[in-house]
PDB file of N, CA and C in Angstrom:
ATOM      1  N   MET A   1      74.712 235.141 196.650  1.00  0.00           N
ATOM      2  CA  MET A   1      75.822 235.225 195.724  1.00  0.00           C
ATOM      3  C   MET A   1      75.273 235.298 194.300  1.00  0.00           C
ATOM      4  N   ARG A   2      75.901 236.157 193.513  1.00  0.00           N
ATOM      5  CA  ARG A   2      75.475 236.329 192.132  1.00  0.00           C
ATOM      6  C   ARG A   2      75.962 235.169 191.285  1.00  0.00           C
ATOM      7  N   LYS A   3      75.130 234.700 190.379  1.00  0.00           N
ATOM      8  CA  LYS A   3      75.483 233.581 189.507  1.00  0.00           C
ATOM      9  C   LYS A   3      76.365 234.068 188.360  1.00  0.00           C
ATOM     10  N   PHE A   4      77.441 233.317 188.091  1.00  0.00           N
ATOM     11  CA  PHE A   4      78.334 233.667 186.988  1.00  0.00           C
ATOM     12  C   PHE A   4      77.682 233.335 185.663  1.00  0.00           C
ATOM     13  N   ARG A   5      77.769 234.285 184.743  1.00  0.00           N
ATOM     14  CA  ARG A   5      77.290 234.069 183.374  1.00  0.00           C
ATOM     15  C   ARG A   5      78.383 234.496 182.421  1.00  0.00           C
ATOM     16  N   ILE A   6      78.574 233.730 181.380  1.00  0.00           N
ATOM     17  CA  ILE A   6      79.579 234.097 180.387  1.00  0.00           C
ATOM     18  C   ILE A   6      79.100 235.375 179.703  1.00  0.00           C
ATOM     19  N   PRO A   7      79.926 236.433 179.725  1.00  0.00           N
ATOM     20  CA  PRO A   7      79.484 237.700 179.145  1.00  0.00           C
ATOM     21  C   PRO A   7      79.381 237.632 177.623  1.00  0.00           C
ATOM     22  N   LYS A   8      78.426 238.369 177.103  1.00  0.00           N
ATOM     23  CA  LYS A   8      78.258 238.482 175.661  1.00  0.00           C
ATOM     24  C   LYS A   8      78.852 239.819 175.229  1.00  0.00           C
ATOM     25  N   PRO A   9      79.765 239.786 174.278  1.00  0.00           N
ATOM     26  CA  PRO A   9      80.305 241.065 173.824  1.00  0.00           C
ATOM     27  C   PRO A   9      79.212 241.878 173.144  1.00  0.00           C
ATOM     28  N   PRO A  10      79.265 243.206 173.277  1.00  0.00           N
ATOM     29  CA  PRO A  10      78.247 244.017 172.626  1.00  0.00           C
ATOM     30  C   PRO A  10      78.346 243.885 171.117  1.00  0.00           C
ATOM     31  N   THR A  11      77.211 244.018 170.461  1.00  0.00           N
ATOM     32  CA  THR A  11      77.240 243.967 168.999  1.00  0.00           C
ATOM     33  C   THR A  11      77.968 245.200 168.484  1.00  0.00           C
ATOM     34  N   ALA A  12      78.604 245.041 167.369  1.00  0.00           N
ATOM     35  CA  ALA A  12      79.346 246.150 166.774  1.00  0.00           C
ATOM     36  C   ALA A  12      79.248 246.066 165.261  1.00  0.00           C
ATOM     37  N   THR A  13      79.299 247.209 164.640  1.00  0.00           N
ATOM     38  CA  THR A  13      79.256 247.314 163.192  1.00  0.00           C
ATOM     39  C   THR A  13      80.451 248.128 162.737  1.00  0.00           C
ATOM     40  N   ASN A  14      81.109 247.674 161.696  1.00  0.00           N
ATOM     41  CA  ASN A  14      82.224 248.435 161.145  1.00  0.00           C
ATOM     42  C   ASN A  14      81.703 249.639 160.376  1.00  0.00           C
ATOM     43  N   LYS A  15      82.308 250.781 160.634  1.00  0.00           N
ATOM     44  CA  LYS A  15      82.015 252.006 159.890  1.00  0.00           C
ATOM     45  C   LYS A  15      83.345 252.565 159.435  1.00  0.00           C
ATOM     46  N   SER A  16      83.396 252.960 158.210  1.00  0.00           N
ATOM     47  CA  SER A  16      84.616 253.551 157.682  1.00  0.00           C
ATOM     48  C   SER A  16      84.498 255.068 157.810  1.00  0.00           C
ATOM     49  N   ILE A  17      85.438 255.674 158.537  1.00  0.00           N
ATOM     50  CA  ILE A  17      85.395 257.112 158.784  1.00  0.00           C
ATOM     51  C   ILE A  17      86.710 257.716 158.346  1.00  0.00           C
ATOM     52  N   ARG A  18      86.646 258.857 157.693  1.00  0.00           N
ATOM     53  CA  ARG A  18      87.863 259.571 157.319  1.00  0.00           C
ATOM     54  C   ARG A  18      88.166 260.594 158.398  1.00  0.00           C
ATOM     55  N   PHE A  19      89.373 260.524 158.935  1.00  0.00           N
ATOM     56  CA  PHE A  19      89.824 261.476 159.937  1.00  0.00           C
ATOM     57  C   PHE A  19      90.900 262.363 159.319  1.00  0.00           C
ATOM     58  N   PRO A  20      90.882 263.636 159.655  1.00  0.00           N
ATOM     59  CA  PRO A  20      91.994 264.479 159.219  1.00  0.00           C
ATOM     60  C   PRO A  20      93.292 263.954 159.836  1.00  0.00           C
ATOM     61  N   ASP A  21      94.384 264.062 159.089  1.00  0.00           N
ATOM     62  CA  ASP A  21      95.671 263.540 159.551  1.00  0.00           C
ATOM     63  C   ASP A  21      96.071 264.107 160.905  1.00  0.00           C
ATOM     64  N   ASP A  22      95.782 265.395 161.139  1.00  0.00           N
ATOM     65  CA  ASP A  22      96.190 265.997 162.403  1.00  0.00           C
ATOM     66  C   ASP A  22      95.420 265.407 163.583  1.00  0.00           C
ATOM     67  N   VAL A  23      94.165 265.028 163.370  1.00  0.00           N
ATOM     68  CA  VAL A  23      93.372 264.405 164.437  1.00  0.00           C
ATOM     69  C   VAL A  23      93.911 263.014 164.738  1.00  0.00           C
ATOM     70  N   ILE A  24      94.247 262.260 163.705  1.00  0.00           N
ATOM     71  CA  ILE A  24      94.820 260.925 163.899  1.00  0.00           C
ATOM     72  C   ILE A  24      96.095 261.034 164.720  1.00  0.00           C
ATOM     73  N   LYS A  25      96.950 261.984 164.384  1.00  0.00           N
ATOM     74  CA  LYS A  25      98.207 262.175 165.112  1.00  0.00           C
ATOM     75  C   LYS A  25      97.942 262.502 166.572  1.00  0.00           C
ATOM     76  N   GLN A  26      96.973 263.380 166.839  1.00  0.00           N
ATOM     77  CA  GLN A  26      96.663 263.760 168.215  1.00  0.00           C
ATOM     78  C   GLN A  26      96.134 262.572 169.018  1.00  0.00           C
ATOM     79  N   VAL A  27      95.282 261.762 168.411  1.00  0.00           N
ATOM     80  CA  VAL A  27      94.750 260.581 169.105  1.00  0.00           C
ATOM     81  C   VAL A  27      95.880 259.592 169.368  1.00  0.00           C
ATOM     82  N   GLU A  28      96.700 259.342 168.355  1.00  0.00           N
ATOM     83  CA  GLU A  28      97.807 258.404 168.537  1.00  0.00           C
ATOM     84  C   GLU A  28      98.766 258.882 169.618  1.00  0.00           C
ATOM     85  N   ASP A  29      99.016 260.190 169.665  1.00  0.00           N
ATOM     86  CA  ASP A  29      99.872 260.735 170.725  1.00  0.00           C
ATOM     87  C   ASP A  29      99.230 260.544 172.095  1.00  0.00           C
ATOM     88  N   ALA A  30      97.914 260.738 172.176  1.00  0.00           N
ATOM     89  CA  ALA A  30      97.202 260.636 173.449  1.00  0.00           C
ATOM     90  C   ALA A  30      97.203 259.210 173.992  1.00  0.00           C
ATOM     91  N   ILE A  31      97.153 258.222 173.111  1.00  0.00           N
ATOM     92  CA  ILE A  31      97.055 256.830 173.564  1.00  0.00           C
ATOM     93  C   ILE A  31      98.406 256.124 173.616  1.00  0.00           C
ATOM     94  N   ARG A  32      99.452 256.783 173.139  1.00  0.00           N
ATOM     95  CA  ARG A  32     100.784 256.166 173.161  1.00  0.00           C
ATOM     96  C   ARG A  32     101.158 255.786 174.591  1.00  0.00           C
ATOM     97  N   GLY A  33     101.645 254.577 174.758  1.00  0.00           N
ATOM     98  CA  GLY A  33     102.053 254.107 176.077  1.00  0.00           C
ATOM     99  C   GLY A  33     100.917 253.582 176.927  1.00  0.00           C
ATOM    100  N   THR A  34      99.718 253.532 176.375  1.00  0.00           N
ATOM    101  CA  THR A  34      98.572 252.986 177.099  1.00  0.00           C
ATOM    102  C   THR A  34      98.137 251.694 176.411  1.00  0.00           C
ATOM    103  N   SER A  35      97.192 251.012 176.997  1.00  0.00           N
ATOM    104  CA  SER A  35      96.657 249.802 176.362  1.00  0.00           C
ATOM    105  C   SER A  35      95.404 250.120 175.548  1.00  0.00           C
ATOM    106  N   CYS A  36      95.110 251.402 175.374  1.00  0.00           N
ATOM    107  CA  CYS A  36      93.912 251.833 174.650  1.00  0.00           C
ATOM    108  C   CYS A  36      94.163 251.791 173.146  1.00  0.00           C
ATOM    109  N   SER A  37      93.208 251.249 172.402  1.00  0.00           N
ATOM    110  CA  SER A  37      93.300 251.237 170.945  1.00  0.00           C
ATOM    111  C   SER A  37      92.694 252.517 170.377  1.00  0.00           C
ATOM    112  N   PHE A  38      93.026 252.797 169.139  1.00  0.00           N
ATOM    113  CA  PHE A  38      92.462 253.958 168.457  1.00  0.00           C
ATOM    114  C   PHE A  38      90.935 253.880 168.470  1.00  0.00           C
ATOM    115  N   SER A  39      90.410 252.708 168.138  1.00  0.00           N
ATOM    116  CA  SER A  39      88.947 252.534 168.092  1.00  0.00           C
ATOM    117  C   SER A  39      88.305 252.752 169.451  1.00  0.00           C
ATOM    118  N   ALA A  40      88.908 252.186 170.492  1.00  0.00           N
ATOM    119  CA  ALA A  40      88.343 252.348 171.838  1.00  0.00           C
ATOM    120  C   ALA A  40      88.335 253.821 172.240  1.00  0.00           C
ATOM    121  N   PHE A  41      89.388 254.539 171.911  1.00  0.00           N
ATOM    122  CA  PHE A  41      89.463 255.965 172.223  1.00  0.00           C
ATOM    123  C   PHE A  41      88.344 256.724 171.513  1.00  0.00           C
ATOM    124  N   VAL A  42      88.170 256.452 170.221  1.00  0.00           N
ATOM    125  CA  VAL A  42      87.150 257.155 169.434  1.00  0.00           C
ATOM    126  C   VAL A  42      85.747 256.816 169.936  1.00  0.00           C
ATOM    127  N   VAL A  43      85.501 255.556 170.251  1.00  0.00           N
ATOM    128  CA  VAL A  43      84.179 255.163 170.760  1.00  0.00           C
ATOM    129  C   VAL A  43      83.880 255.895 172.062  1.00  0.00           C
ATOM    130  N   GLU A  44      84.848 255.940 172.975  1.00  0.00           N
ATOM    131  CA  GLU A  44      84.629 256.625 174.248  1.00  0.00           C
ATOM    132  C   GLU A  44      84.425 258.119 174.039  1.00  0.00           C
ATOM    133  N   ALA A  45      85.186 258.711 173.130  1.00  0.00           N
ATOM    134  CA  ALA A  45      85.037 260.143 172.842  1.00  0.00           C
ATOM    135  C   ALA A  45      83.645 260.446 172.290  1.00  0.00           C
ATOM    136  N   VAL A  46      83.141 259.593 171.430  1.00  0.00           N
ATOM    137  CA  VAL A  46      81.797 259.785 170.875  1.00  0.00           C
ATOM    138  C   VAL A  46      80.747 259.616 171.963  1.00  0.00           C
ATOM    139  N   ARG A  47      80.926 258.637 172.842  1.00  0.00           N
ATOM    140  CA  ARG A  47      79.974 258.447 173.953  1.00  0.00           C
ATOM    141  C   ARG A  47      79.926 259.685 174.846  1.00  0.00           C
ATOM    142  N   VAL A  48      81.085 260.238 175.165  1.00  0.00           N
ATOM    143  CA  VAL A  48      81.131 261.439 176.007  1.00  0.00           C
ATOM    144  C   VAL A  48      80.457 262.599 175.283  1.00  0.00           C
ATOM    145  N   ALA A  49      80.728 262.756 173.992  1.00  0.00           N
ATOM    146  CA  ALA A  49      80.103 263.831 173.223  1.00  0.00           C
ATOM    147  C   ALA A  49      78.587 263.682 173.206  1.00  0.00           C
ATOM    148  N   LEU A  50      78.097 262.461 173.034  1.00  0.00           N
ATOM    149  CA  LEU A  50      76.645 262.226 173.032  1.00  0.00           C
ATOM    150  C   LEU A  50      76.031 262.534 174.391  1.00  0.00           C
ATOM    151  N   ASP A  51      76.719 262.137 175.468  1.00  0.00           N
ATOM    152  CA  ASP A  51      76.243 262.458 176.819  1.00  0.00           C
ATOM    153  C   ASP A  51      76.167 263.969 177.014  1.00  0.00           C
ATOM    154  N   ASN A  52      77.198 264.680 176.563  1.00  0.00           N
ATOM    155  CA  ASN A  52      77.212 266.134 176.689  1.00  0.00           C
ATOM    156  C   ASN A  52      76.053 266.769 175.921  1.00  0.00           C
ATOM    157  N   LEU A  53      75.801 266.284 174.721  1.00  0.00           N
ATOM    158  CA  LEU A  53      74.677 266.809 173.937  1.00  0.00           C
ATOM    159  C   LEU A  53      73.352 266.570 174.650  1.00  0.00           C
ATOM    160  N   ARG A  54      73.187 265.368 175.208  1.00  0.00           N
ATOM    161  CA  ARG A  54      71.965 265.034 175.926  1.00  0.00           C
ATOM    162  C   ARG A  54      71.775 265.949 177.133  1.00  0.00           C
ATOM    163  N   GLU A  55      72.850 266.186 177.869  1.00  0.00           N
ATOM    164  CA  GLU A  55      72.785 267.074 179.029  1.00  0.00           C
ATOM    165  C   GLU A  55      72.416 268.491 178.610  1.00  0.00           C
ATOM    166  N   GLU A  56      72.981 268.974 177.507  1.00  0.00           N
ATOM    167  CA  GLU A  56      72.654 270.310 177.009  1.00  0.00           C
ATOM    168  C   GLU A  56      71.183 270.392 176.613  1.00  0.00           C
ATOM    169  N   GLU A  57      70.688 269.343 175.944  1.00  0.00           N
ATOM    170  CA  GLU A  57      69.275 269.315 175.550  1.00  0.00           C
ATOM    171  C   GLU A  57      68.376 269.349 176.778  1.00  0.00           C
ATOM    172  N   ASP A  58      68.740 268.566 177.806  1.00  0.00           N
ATOM    173  CA  ASP A  58      67.949 268.546 179.042  1.00  0.00           C
ATOM    174  C   ASP A  58      67.930 269.920 179.700  1.00  0.00           C
ATOM    175  N   GLU A  59      69.087 270.581 179.726  1.00  0.00           N
ATOM    176  CA  GLU A  59      69.164 271.917 180.321  1.00  0.00           C
ATOM    177  C   GLU A  59      68.326 272.919 179.535  1.00  0.00           C
ATOM    178  N   ASN A  60      68.359 272.804 178.195  1.00  0.00           N
ATOM    179  CA  ASN A  60      67.573 273.722 177.361  1.00  0.00           C
ATOM    180  C   ASN A  60      66.081 273.506 177.525  1.00  0.00           C
ATOM    181  N   GLU A  61      65.668 272.268 177.764  1.00  0.00           N
ATOM    182  CA  GLU A  61      64.255 271.978 177.963  1.00  0.00           C
ATOM    183  C   GLU A  61      63.741 272.557 179.271  1.00  0.00           C
ATOM    184  N   LYS A  62      64.634 272.680 180.266  1.00  0.00           N
ATOM    185  CA  LYS A  62      64.243 273.213 181.560  1.00  0.00           C
ATOM    186  C   LYS A  62      64.039 274.720 181.519  1.00  0.00           C
ATOM    187  N   GLU A  63      64.641 275.381 180.544  1.00  0.00           N
ATOM    188  CA  GLU A  63      64.560 276.858 180.464  1.00  0.00           C
ATOM    189  C   GLU A  63      63.220 277.308 179.929  1.00  0.00           C
TER     190      GLU A  63
END
């Protein structure tokens, strides 16, 4: 059996970012009715974008 450990939240740093109004509206529309926050949505979107870039770099290195 795995031993229970109190989880440590990941470290985070505040960054101030300017978003175009139309992007803010689209994100807010996408998360409306969900339990997702604006910040959580943006963090996940950036993670996916970084993964995609990494995959593209890996594919380019193979060529």
